[in-house]
């Protein structure tokens, strides 16, 4: 197992689970920001809608970056003989 013991594998698997949770949370928050942008636009507040739109973009970008981390963590867990 490349010099790793079971406790180290447990830590890597825990990091993977935490990263997956973060990715899912960013997705939920992005969906909420999209709804808020639509509501602000419907209410005739373009500045607020633009702010929520920018937030949606930032959350989407963060979600993509975290998704890349999930892939890296998954590969590490598999390389160490763990399950994902």
PDB file of N, CA and C in Angstrom:
ATOM      1  N   UNK A   1       0.823  -1.194   0.000  1.00  0.00           N
ATOM      2  CA  UNK A   1       0.000   0.000   0.000  1.00  0.00           C
ATOM      3  C   UNK A   1       0.863   1.252   0.000  1.00  0.00           C
ATOM      4  N   UNK A   2       2.022   1.232  -0.542  1.00  0.00           N
ATOM      5  CA  UNK A   2       2.876   2.411  -0.732  1.00  0.00           C
ATOM      6  C   UNK A   2       3.254   3.117   0.560  1.00  0.00           C
ATOM      7  N   UNK A   3       3.432   2.397   1.651  1.00  0.00           N
ATOM      8  CA  UNK A   3       3.870   3.007   2.890  1.00  0.00           C
ATOM      9  C   UNK A   3       2.788   3.693   3.697  1.00  0.00           C
ATOM     10  N   UNK A   4       1.551   3.622   3.277  1.00  0.00           N
ATOM     11  CA  UNK A   4       0.452   4.224   4.023  1.00  0.00           C
ATOM     12  C   UNK A   4      -0.175   3.174   4.913  1.00  0.00           C
ATOM     13  N   UNK A   5      -0.576   3.593   6.100  1.00  0.00           N
ATOM     14  CA  UNK A   5      -1.283   2.652   6.962  1.00  0.00           C
ATOM     15  C   UNK A   5      -2.778   2.945   6.909  1.00  0.00           C
ATOM     16  N   UNK A   6      -3.561   2.112   7.586  1.00  0.00           N
ATOM     17  CA  UNK A   6      -5.021   2.242   7.520  1.00  0.00           C
ATOM     18  C   UNK A   6      -5.525   3.585   8.042  1.00  0.00           C
ATOM     19  N   UNK A   7      -4.868   4.143   9.056  1.00  0.00           N
ATOM     20  CA  UNK A   7      -5.345   5.432   9.583  1.00  0.00           C
ATOM     21  C   UNK A   7      -5.134   6.543   8.563  1.00  0.00           C
ATOM     22  N   UNK A   8      -4.067   6.462   7.786  1.00  0.00           N
ATOM     23  CA  UNK A   8      -3.839   7.464   6.747  1.00  0.00           C
ATOM     24  C   UNK A   8      -4.875   7.316   5.630  1.00  0.00           C
ATOM     25  N   UNK A   9      -5.194   6.091   5.281  1.00  0.00           N
ATOM     26  CA  UNK A   9      -6.235   5.856   4.285  1.00  0.00           C
ATOM     27  C   UNK A   9      -7.567   6.391   4.797  1.00  0.00           C
ATOM     28  N   UNK A  10      -7.855   6.175   6.082  1.00  0.00           N
ATOM     29  CA  UNK A  10      -9.092   6.708   6.661  1.00  0.00           C
ATOM     30  C   UNK A  10      -9.145   8.227   6.536  1.00  0.00           C
ATOM     31  N   UNK A  11      -8.018   8.881   6.750  1.00  0.00           N
ATOM     32  CA  UNK A  11      -7.978  10.343   6.628  1.00  0.00           C
ATOM     33  C   UNK A  11      -8.221  10.783   5.196  1.00  0.00           C
ATOM     34  N   UNK A  12      -7.630  10.081   4.237  1.00  0.00           N
ATOM     35  CA  UNK A  12      -7.830  10.434   2.836  1.00  0.00           C
ATOM     36  C   UNK A  12      -9.290  10.213   2.437  1.00  0.00           C
ATOM     37  N   UNK A  13      -9.887   9.124   2.923  1.00  0.00           N
ATOM     38  CA  UNK A  13     -11.295   8.866   2.607  1.00  0.00           C
ATOM     39  C   UNK A  13     -12.198   9.911   3.261  1.00  0.00           C
ATOM     40  N   UNK A  14     -11.869  10.341   4.472  1.00  0.00           N
ATOM     41  CA  UNK A  14     -12.645  11.394   5.131  1.00  0.00           C
ATOM     42  C   UNK A  14     -12.531  12.712   4.359  1.00  0.00           C
ATOM     43  N   UNK A  15     -11.342  13.010   3.870  1.00  0.00           N
ATOM     44  CA  UNK A  15     -11.154  14.226   3.062  1.00  0.00           C
ATOM     45  C   UNK A  15     -11.976  14.145   1.789  1.00  0.00           C
ATOM     46  N   UNK A  16     -12.045  12.972   1.185  1.00  0.00           N
ATOM     47  CA  UNK A  16     -12.865  12.797  -0.015  1.00  0.00           C
ATOM     48  C   UNK A  16     -14.333  13.055   0.300  1.00  0.00           C
ATOM     49  N   UNK A  17     -14.824  12.484   1.383  1.00  0.00           N
ATOM     50  CA  UNK A  17     -16.231  12.703   1.751  1.00  0.00           C
ATOM     51  C   UNK A  17     -16.516  14.183   2.015  1.00  0.00           C
ATOM     52  N   UNK A  18     -15.609  14.859   2.709  1.00  0.00           N
ATOM     53  CA  UNK A  18     -15.786  16.287   2.997  1.00  0.00           C
ATOM     54  C   UNK A  18     -15.780  17.112   1.708  1.00  0.00           C
ATOM     55  N   UNK A  19     -14.931  16.742   0.777  1.00  0.00           N
ATOM     56  CA  UNK A  19     -14.845  17.465  -0.489  1.00  0.00           C
ATOM     57  C   UNK A  19     -16.106  17.260  -1.318  1.00  0.00           C
ATOM     58  N   UNK A  20     -16.623  16.037  -1.313  1.00  0.00           N
ATOM     59  CA  UNK A  20     -17.885  15.765  -2.017  1.00  0.00           C
ATOM     60  C   UNK A  20     -19.014  16.577  -1.396  1.00  0.00           C
ATOM     61  N   UNK A  21     -19.060  16.617  -0.061  1.00  0.00           N
ATOM     62  CA  UNK A  21     -20.091  17.409   0.624  1.00  0.00           C
ATOM     63  C   UNK A  21     -19.995  18.882   0.248  1.00  0.00           C
ATOM     64  N   UNK A  22     -18.779  19.403   0.179  1.00  0.00           N
ATOM     65  CA  UNK A  22     -18.584  20.805  -0.184  1.00  0.00           C
ATOM     66  C   UNK A  22     -19.064  21.067  -1.606  1.00  0.00           C
ATOM     67  N   UNK A  23     -18.736  20.168  -2.521  1.00  0.00           N
ATOM     68  CA  UNK A  23     -19.180  20.324  -3.918  1.00  0.00           C
ATOM     69  C   UNK A  23     -20.706  20.372  -3.981  1.00  0.00           C
ATOM     70  N   UNK A  24     -21.361  19.486  -3.245  1.00  0.00           N
ATOM     71  CA  UNK A  24     -22.825  19.461  -3.253  1.00  0.00           C
ATOM     72  C   UNK A  24     -23.415  20.723  -2.641  1.00  0.00           C
ATOM     73  N   UNK A  25     -22.799  21.213  -1.576  1.00  0.00           N
ATOM     74  CA  UNK A  25     -23.278  22.450  -0.939  1.00  0.00           C
ATOM     75  C   UNK A  25     -23.125  23.643  -1.874  1.00  0.00           C
ATOM     76  N   UNK A  26     -22.000  23.724  -2.568  1.00  0.00           N
ATOM     77  CA  UNK A  26     -21.812  24.817  -3.527  1.00  0.00           C
ATOM     78  C   UNK A  26     -22.872  24.757  -4.623  1.00  0.00           C
ATOM     79  N   UNK A  27     -23.226  23.564  -5.056  1.00  0.00           N
ATOM     80  CA  UNK A  27     -24.275  23.406  -6.062  1.00  0.00           C
ATOM     81  C   UNK A  27     -25.614  23.897  -5.561  1.00  0.00           C
ATOM     82  N   UNK A  28     -25.946  23.546  -4.312  1.00  0.00           N
ATOM     83  CA  UNK A  28     -27.222  24.013  -3.730  1.00  0.00           C
ATOM     84  C   UNK A  28     -27.243  25.531  -3.605  1.00  0.00           C
ATOM     85  N   UNK A  29     -26.138  26.098  -3.122  1.00  0.00           N
ATOM     86  CA  UNK A  29     -26.077  27.561  -2.958  1.00  0.00           C
ATOM     87  C   UNK A  29     -26.137  28.262  -4.314  1.00  0.00           C
ATOM     88  N   UNK A  30     -25.544  27.680  -5.326  1.00  0.00           N
ATOM     89  CA  UNK A  30     -25.616  28.254  -6.668  1.00  0.00           C
ATOM     90  C   UNK A  30     -27.032  28.264  -7.193  1.00  0.00           C
ATOM     91  N   UNK A  31     -27.767  27.182  -6.934  1.00  0.00           N
ATOM     92  CA  UNK A  31     -29.170  27.116  -7.358  1.00  0.00           C
ATOM     93  C   UNK A  31     -29.995  28.179  -6.633  1.00  0.00           C
ATOM     94  N   UNK A  32     -29.732  28.371  -5.339  1.00  0.00           N
ATOM     95  CA  UNK A  32     -30.444  29.401  -4.580  1.00  0.00           C
ATOM     96  C   UNK A  32     -30.129  30.796  -5.121  1.00  0.00           C
ATOM     97  N   UNK A  33     -28.864  31.044  -5.433  1.00  0.00           N
ATOM     98  CA  UNK A  33     -28.478  32.358  -5.962  1.00  0.00           C
ATOM     99  C   UNK A  33     -29.127  32.606  -7.322  1.00  0.00           C
ATOM    100  N   UNK A  34     -29.277  31.561  -8.120  1.00  0.00           N
ATOM    101  CA  UNK A  34     -29.949  31.702  -9.420  1.00  0.00           C
ATOM    102  C   UNK A  34     -31.405  32.104  -9.223  1.00  0.00           C
ATOM    103  N   UNK A  35     -32.068  31.476  -8.272  1.00  0.00           N
ATOM    104  CA  UNK A  35     -33.465  31.834  -7.971  1.00  0.00           C
ATOM    105  C   UNK A  35     -33.564  33.268  -7.462  1.00  0.00           C
ATOM    106  N   UNK A  36     -32.627  33.666  -6.619  1.00  0.00           N
ATOM    107  CA  UNK A  36     -32.630  35.035  -6.099  1.00  0.00           C
ATOM    108  C   UNK A  36     -32.398  36.046  -7.218  1.00  0.00           C
ATOM    109  N   UNK A  37     -31.527  35.725  -8.158  1.00  0.00           N
ATOM    110  CA  UNK A  37     -31.278  36.619  -9.291  1.00  0.00           C
ATOM    111  C   UNK A  37     -32.550  36.791 -10.116  1.00  0.00           C
ATOM    112  N   UNK A  38     -33.255  35.693 -10.344  1.00  0.00           N
ATOM    113  CA  UNK A  38     -34.503  35.759 -11.107  1.00  0.00           C
ATOM    114  C   UNK A  38     -35.553  36.576 -10.362  1.00  0.00           C
ATOM    115  N   UNK A  39     -35.639  36.380  -9.056  1.00  0.00           N
ATOM    116  CA  UNK A  39     -36.614  37.133  -8.259  1.00  0.00           C
ATOM    117  C   UNK A  39     -36.288  38.624  -8.260  1.00  0.00           C
ATOM    118  N   UNK A  40     -35.011  38.948  -8.125  1.00  0.00           N
ATOM    119  CA  UNK A  40     -34.610  40.360  -8.137  1.00  0.00           C
ATOM    120  C   UNK A  40     -34.898  40.992  -9.488  1.00  0.00           C
ATOM    121  N   UNK A  41     -34.667  40.252 -10.530  1.00  0.00           N
ATOM    122  CA  UNK A  41     -34.946  40.767 -11.873  1.00  0.00           C
ATOM    123  C   UNK A  41     -36.437  40.994 -12.061  1.00  0.00           C
ATOM    124  N   UNK A  42     -37.238  40.041 -11.610  1.00  0.00           N
ATOM    125  CA  UNK A  42     -38.699  40.164 -11.712  1.00  0.00           C
ATOM    126  C   UNK A  42     -39.225  41.323 -10.885  1.00  0.00           C
ATOM    127  N   UNK A  43     -38.538  41.613  -9.777  1.00  0.00           N
ATOM    128  CA  UNK A  43     -38.946  42.711  -8.913  1.00  0.00           C
ATOM    129  C   UNK A  43     -38.452  44.059  -9.431  1.00  0.00           C
ATOM    130  N   UNK A  44     -37.738  44.049 -10.558  1.00  0.00           N
ATOM    131  CA  UNK A  44     -37.280  45.306 -11.145  1.00  0.00           C
ATOM    132  C   UNK A  44     -36.049  45.893 -10.490  1.00  0.00           C
ATOM    133  N   UNK A  45     -35.208  45.039  -9.913  1.00  0.00           N
ATOM    134  CA  UNK A  45     -33.983  45.520  -9.285  1.00  0.00           C
ATOM    135  C   UNK A  45     -32.785  44.926 -10.027  1.00  0.00           C
ATOM    136  N   UNK A  46     -32.374  45.573 -11.125  1.00  0.00           N
ATOM    137  CA  UNK A  46     -31.293  45.000 -11.930  1.00  0.00           C
ATOM    138  C   UNK A  46     -29.948  44.947 -11.200  1.00  0.00           C
ATOM    139  N   UNK A  47     -29.695  45.877 -10.301  1.00  0.00           N
ATOM    140  CA  UNK A  47     -28.417  45.856  -9.568  1.00  0.00           C
ATOM    141  C   UNK A  47     -28.337  44.624  -8.671  1.00  0.00           C
ATOM    142  N   UNK A  48     -29.427  44.344  -7.978  1.00  0.00           N
ATOM    143  CA  UNK A  48     -29.456  43.162  -7.115  1.00  0.00           C
ATOM    144  C   UNK A  48     -29.383  41.887  -7.954  1.00  0.00           C
ATOM    145  N   UNK A  49     -30.094  41.883  -9.066  1.00  0.00           N
ATOM    146  CA  UNK A  49     -30.047  40.721  -9.960  1.00  0.00           C
ATOM    147  C   UNK A  49     -28.617  40.491 -10.463  1.00  0.00           C
ATOM    148  N   UNK A  50     -27.926  41.566 -10.805  1.00  0.00           N
ATOM    149  CA  UNK A  50     -26.539  41.444 -11.268  1.00  0.00           C
ATOM    150  C   UNK A  50     -25.633  40.908 -10.166  1.00  0.00           C
ATOM    151  N   UNK A  51     -25.875  41.340  -8.946  1.00  0.00           N
ATOM    152  CA  UNK A  51     -25.084  40.841  -7.811  1.00  0.00           C
ATOM    153  C   UNK A  51     -25.282  39.349  -7.609  1.00  0.00           C
ATOM    154  N   UNK A  52     -26.539  38.922  -7.667  1.00  0.00           N
ATOM    155  CA  UNK A  52     -26.806  37.495  -7.524  1.00  0.00           C
ATOM    156  C   UNK A  52     -26.266  36.704  -8.713  1.00  0.00           C
ATOM    157  N   UNK A  53     -26.305  37.288  -9.879  1.00  0.00           N
ATOM    158  CA  UNK A  53     -25.750  36.628 -11.055  1.00  0.00           C
ATOM    159  C   UNK A  53     -24.240  36.440 -10.899  1.00  0.00           C
ATOM    160  N   UNK A  54     -23.563  37.451 -10.390  1.00  0.00           N
ATOM    161  CA  UNK A  54     -22.121  37.339 -10.140  1.00  0.00           C
ATOM    162  C   UNK A  54     -21.836  36.277  -9.081  1.00  0.00           C
ATOM    163  N   UNK A  55     -22.678  36.227  -8.057  1.00  0.00           N
ATOM    164  CA  UNK A  55     -22.530  35.204  -7.022  1.00  0.00           C
ATOM    165  C   UNK A  55     -22.731  33.820  -7.614  1.00  0.00           C
ATOM    166  N   UNK A  56     -23.712  33.675  -8.487  1.00  0.00           N
ATOM    167  CA  UNK A  56     -23.955  32.397  -9.155  1.00  0.00           C
ATOM    168  C   UNK A  56     -22.729  31.966  -9.952  1.00  0.00           C
ATOM    169  N   UNK A  57     -22.140  32.904 -10.681  1.00  0.00           N
ATOM    170  CA  UNK A  57     -20.942  32.597 -11.461  1.00  0.00           C
ATOM    171  C   UNK A  57     -19.786  32.156 -10.560  1.00  0.00           C
ATOM    172  N   UNK A  58     -19.594  32.866  -9.454  1.00  0.00           N
ATOM    173  CA  UNK A  58     -18.498  32.529  -8.541  1.00  0.00           C
ATOM    174  C   UNK A  58     -18.712  31.154  -7.906  1.00  0.00           C
ATOM    175  N   UNK A  59     -19.956  30.872  -7.510  1.00  0.00           N
ATOM    176  CA  UNK A  59     -20.244  29.571  -6.919  1.00  0.00           C
ATOM    177  C   UNK A  59     -20.052  28.450  -7.937  1.00  0.00           C
ATOM    178  N   UNK A  60     -20.421  28.713  -9.165  1.00  0.00           N
ATOM    179  CA  UNK A  60     -20.246  27.724 -10.225  1.00  0.00           C
ATOM    180  C   UNK A  60     -18.762  27.438 -10.453  1.00  0.00           C
ATOM    181  N   UNK A  61     -17.964  28.485 -10.458  1.00  0.00           N
ATOM    182  CA  UNK A  61     -16.528  28.317 -10.638  1.00  0.00           C
ATOM    183  C   UNK A  61     -15.934  27.522  -9.471  1.00  0.00           C
ATOM    184  N   UNK A  62     -16.351  27.862  -8.259  1.00  0.00           N
ATOM    185  CA  UNK A  62     -15.857  27.145  -7.080  1.00  0.00           C
ATOM    186  C   UNK A  62     -16.284  25.677  -7.129  1.00  0.00           C
ATOM    187  N   UNK A  63     -17.506  25.428  -7.559  1.00  0.00           N
ATOM    188  CA  UNK A  63     -17.991  24.053  -7.653  1.00  0.00           C
ATOM    189  C   UNK A  63     -17.144  23.249  -8.645  1.00  0.00           C
ATOM    190  N   UNK A  64     -16.779  23.848  -9.763  1.00  0.00           N
ATOM    191  CA  UNK A  64     -15.917  23.160 -10.750  1.00  0.00           C
ATOM    192  C   UNK A  64     -14.538  22.857 -10.167  1.00  0.00           C
ATOM    193  N   UNK A  65     -13.986  23.799  -9.430  1.00  0.00           N
ATOM    194  CA  UNK A  65     -12.668  23.581  -8.814  1.00  0.00           C
ATOM    195  C   UNK A  65     -12.733  22.464  -7.775  1.00  0.00           C
ATOM    196  N   UNK A  66     -13.783  22.460  -6.980  1.00  0.00           N
ATOM    197  CA  UNK A  66     -13.935  21.416  -5.964  1.00  0.00           C
ATOM    198  C   UNK A  66     -14.177  20.067  -6.643  1.00  0.00           C
ATOM    199  N   UNK A  67     -14.889  20.064  -7.762  1.00  0.00           N
ATOM    200  CA  UNK A  67     -15.095  18.811  -8.499  1.00  0.00           C
ATOM    201  C   UNK A  67     -13.756  18.237  -8.953  1.00  0.00           C
ATOM    202  N   UNK A  68     -12.824  19.094  -9.340  1.00  0.00           N
ATOM    203  CA  UNK A  68     -11.485  18.624  -9.711  1.00  0.00           C
ATOM    204  C   UNK A  68     -10.778  18.015  -8.504  1.00  0.00           C
ATOM    205  N   UNK A  69     -10.970  18.619  -7.333  1.00  0.00           N
ATOM    206  CA  UNK A  69     -10.395  18.050  -6.112  1.00  0.00           C
ATOM    207  C   UNK A  69     -11.002  16.684  -5.803  1.00  0.00           C
ATOM    208  N   UNK A  70     -12.296  16.545  -6.032  1.00  0.00           N
ATOM    209  CA  UNK A  70     -12.952  15.255  -5.818  1.00  0.00           C
ATOM    210  C   UNK A  70     -12.294  14.197  -6.690  1.00  0.00           C
ATOM    211  N   UNK A  71     -12.025  14.521  -7.928  1.00  0.00           N
ATOM    212  CA  UNK A  71     -11.361  13.568  -8.836  1.00  0.00           C
ATOM    213  C   UNK A  71      -9.985  13.188  -8.305  1.00  0.00           C
ATOM    214  N   UNK A  72      -9.235  14.179  -7.845  1.00  0.00           N
ATOM    215  CA  UNK A  72      -7.895  13.900  -7.297  1.00  0.00           C
ATOM    216  C   UNK A  72      -7.975  13.045  -6.042  1.00  0.00           C
ATOM    217  N   UNK A  73      -8.891  13.377  -5.140  1.00  0.00           N
ATOM    218  CA  UNK A  73      -9.055  12.583  -3.917  1.00  0.00           C
ATOM    219  C   UNK A  73      -9.477  11.158  -4.256  1.00  0.00           C
ATOM    220  N   UNK A  74     -10.385  11.021  -5.204  1.00  0.00           N
ATOM    221  CA  UNK A  74     -10.857   9.689  -5.605  1.00  0.00           C
ATOM    222  C   UNK A  74      -9.695   8.851  -6.125  1.00  0.00           C
ATOM    223  N   UNK A  75      -8.880   9.453  -6.963  1.00  0.00           N
ATOM    224  CA  UNK A  75      -7.723   8.735  -7.508  1.00  0.00           C
ATOM    225  C   UNK A  75      -6.754   8.327  -6.393  1.00  0.00           C
ATOM    226  N   UNK A  76      -6.555   9.202  -5.421  1.00  0.00           N
ATOM    227  CA  UNK A  76      -5.650   8.895  -4.310  1.00  0.00           C
ATOM    228  C   UNK A  76      -6.189   7.740  -3.477  1.00  0.00           C
ATOM    229  N   UNK A  77      -7.480   7.796  -3.162  1.00  0.00           N
ATOM    230  CA  UNK A  77      -8.092   6.723  -2.369  1.00  0.00           C
ATOM    231  C   UNK A  77      -7.963   5.397  -3.111  1.00  0.00           C
ATOM    232  N   UNK A  78      -8.248   5.389  -4.388  1.00  0.00           N
ATOM    233  CA  UNK A  78      -8.154   4.158  -5.171  1.00  0.00           C
ATOM    234  C   UNK A  78      -6.716   3.659  -5.243  1.00  0.00           C
ATOM    235  N   UNK A  79      -5.770   4.569  -5.403  1.00  0.00           N
ATOM    236  CA  UNK A  79      -4.358   4.186  -5.465  1.00  0.00           C
ATOM    237  C   UNK A  79      -3.909   3.549  -4.153  1.00  0.00           C
ATOM    238  N   UNK A  80      -4.477   4.002  -3.041  1.00  0.00           N
ATOM    239  CA  UNK A  80      -4.112   3.466  -1.741  1.00  0.00           C
ATOM    240  C   UNK A  80      -4.900   2.206  -1.375  1.00  0.00           C
ATOM    241  N   UNK A  81      -5.784   1.779  -2.281  1.00  0.00           N
ATOM    242  CA  UNK A  81      -6.507   0.541  -2.039  1.00  0.00           C
ATOM    243  C   UNK A  81      -7.833   0.710  -1.316  1.00  0.00           C
ATOM    244  N   UNK A  82      -8.278   1.950  -1.176  1.00  0.00           N
ATOM    245  CA  UNK A  82      -9.546   2.206  -0.499  1.00  0.00           C
ATOM    246  C   UNK A  82     -10.704   2.160  -1.490  1.00  0.00           C
ATOM    247  N   UNK A  83     -11.892   2.338  -0.954  1.00  0.00           N
ATOM    248  CA  UNK A  83     -13.090   2.360  -1.793  1.00  0.00           C
ATOM    249  C   UNK A  83     -13.662   3.766  -1.789  1.00  0.00           C
ATOM    250  N   UNK A  84     -14.285   4.095  -2.909  1.00  0.00           N
ATOM    251  CA  UNK A  84     -14.878   5.431  -3.040  1.00  0.00           C
ATOM    252  C   UNK A  84     -16.378   5.322  -3.180  1.00  0.00           C
TER     253      UNK A  84
END
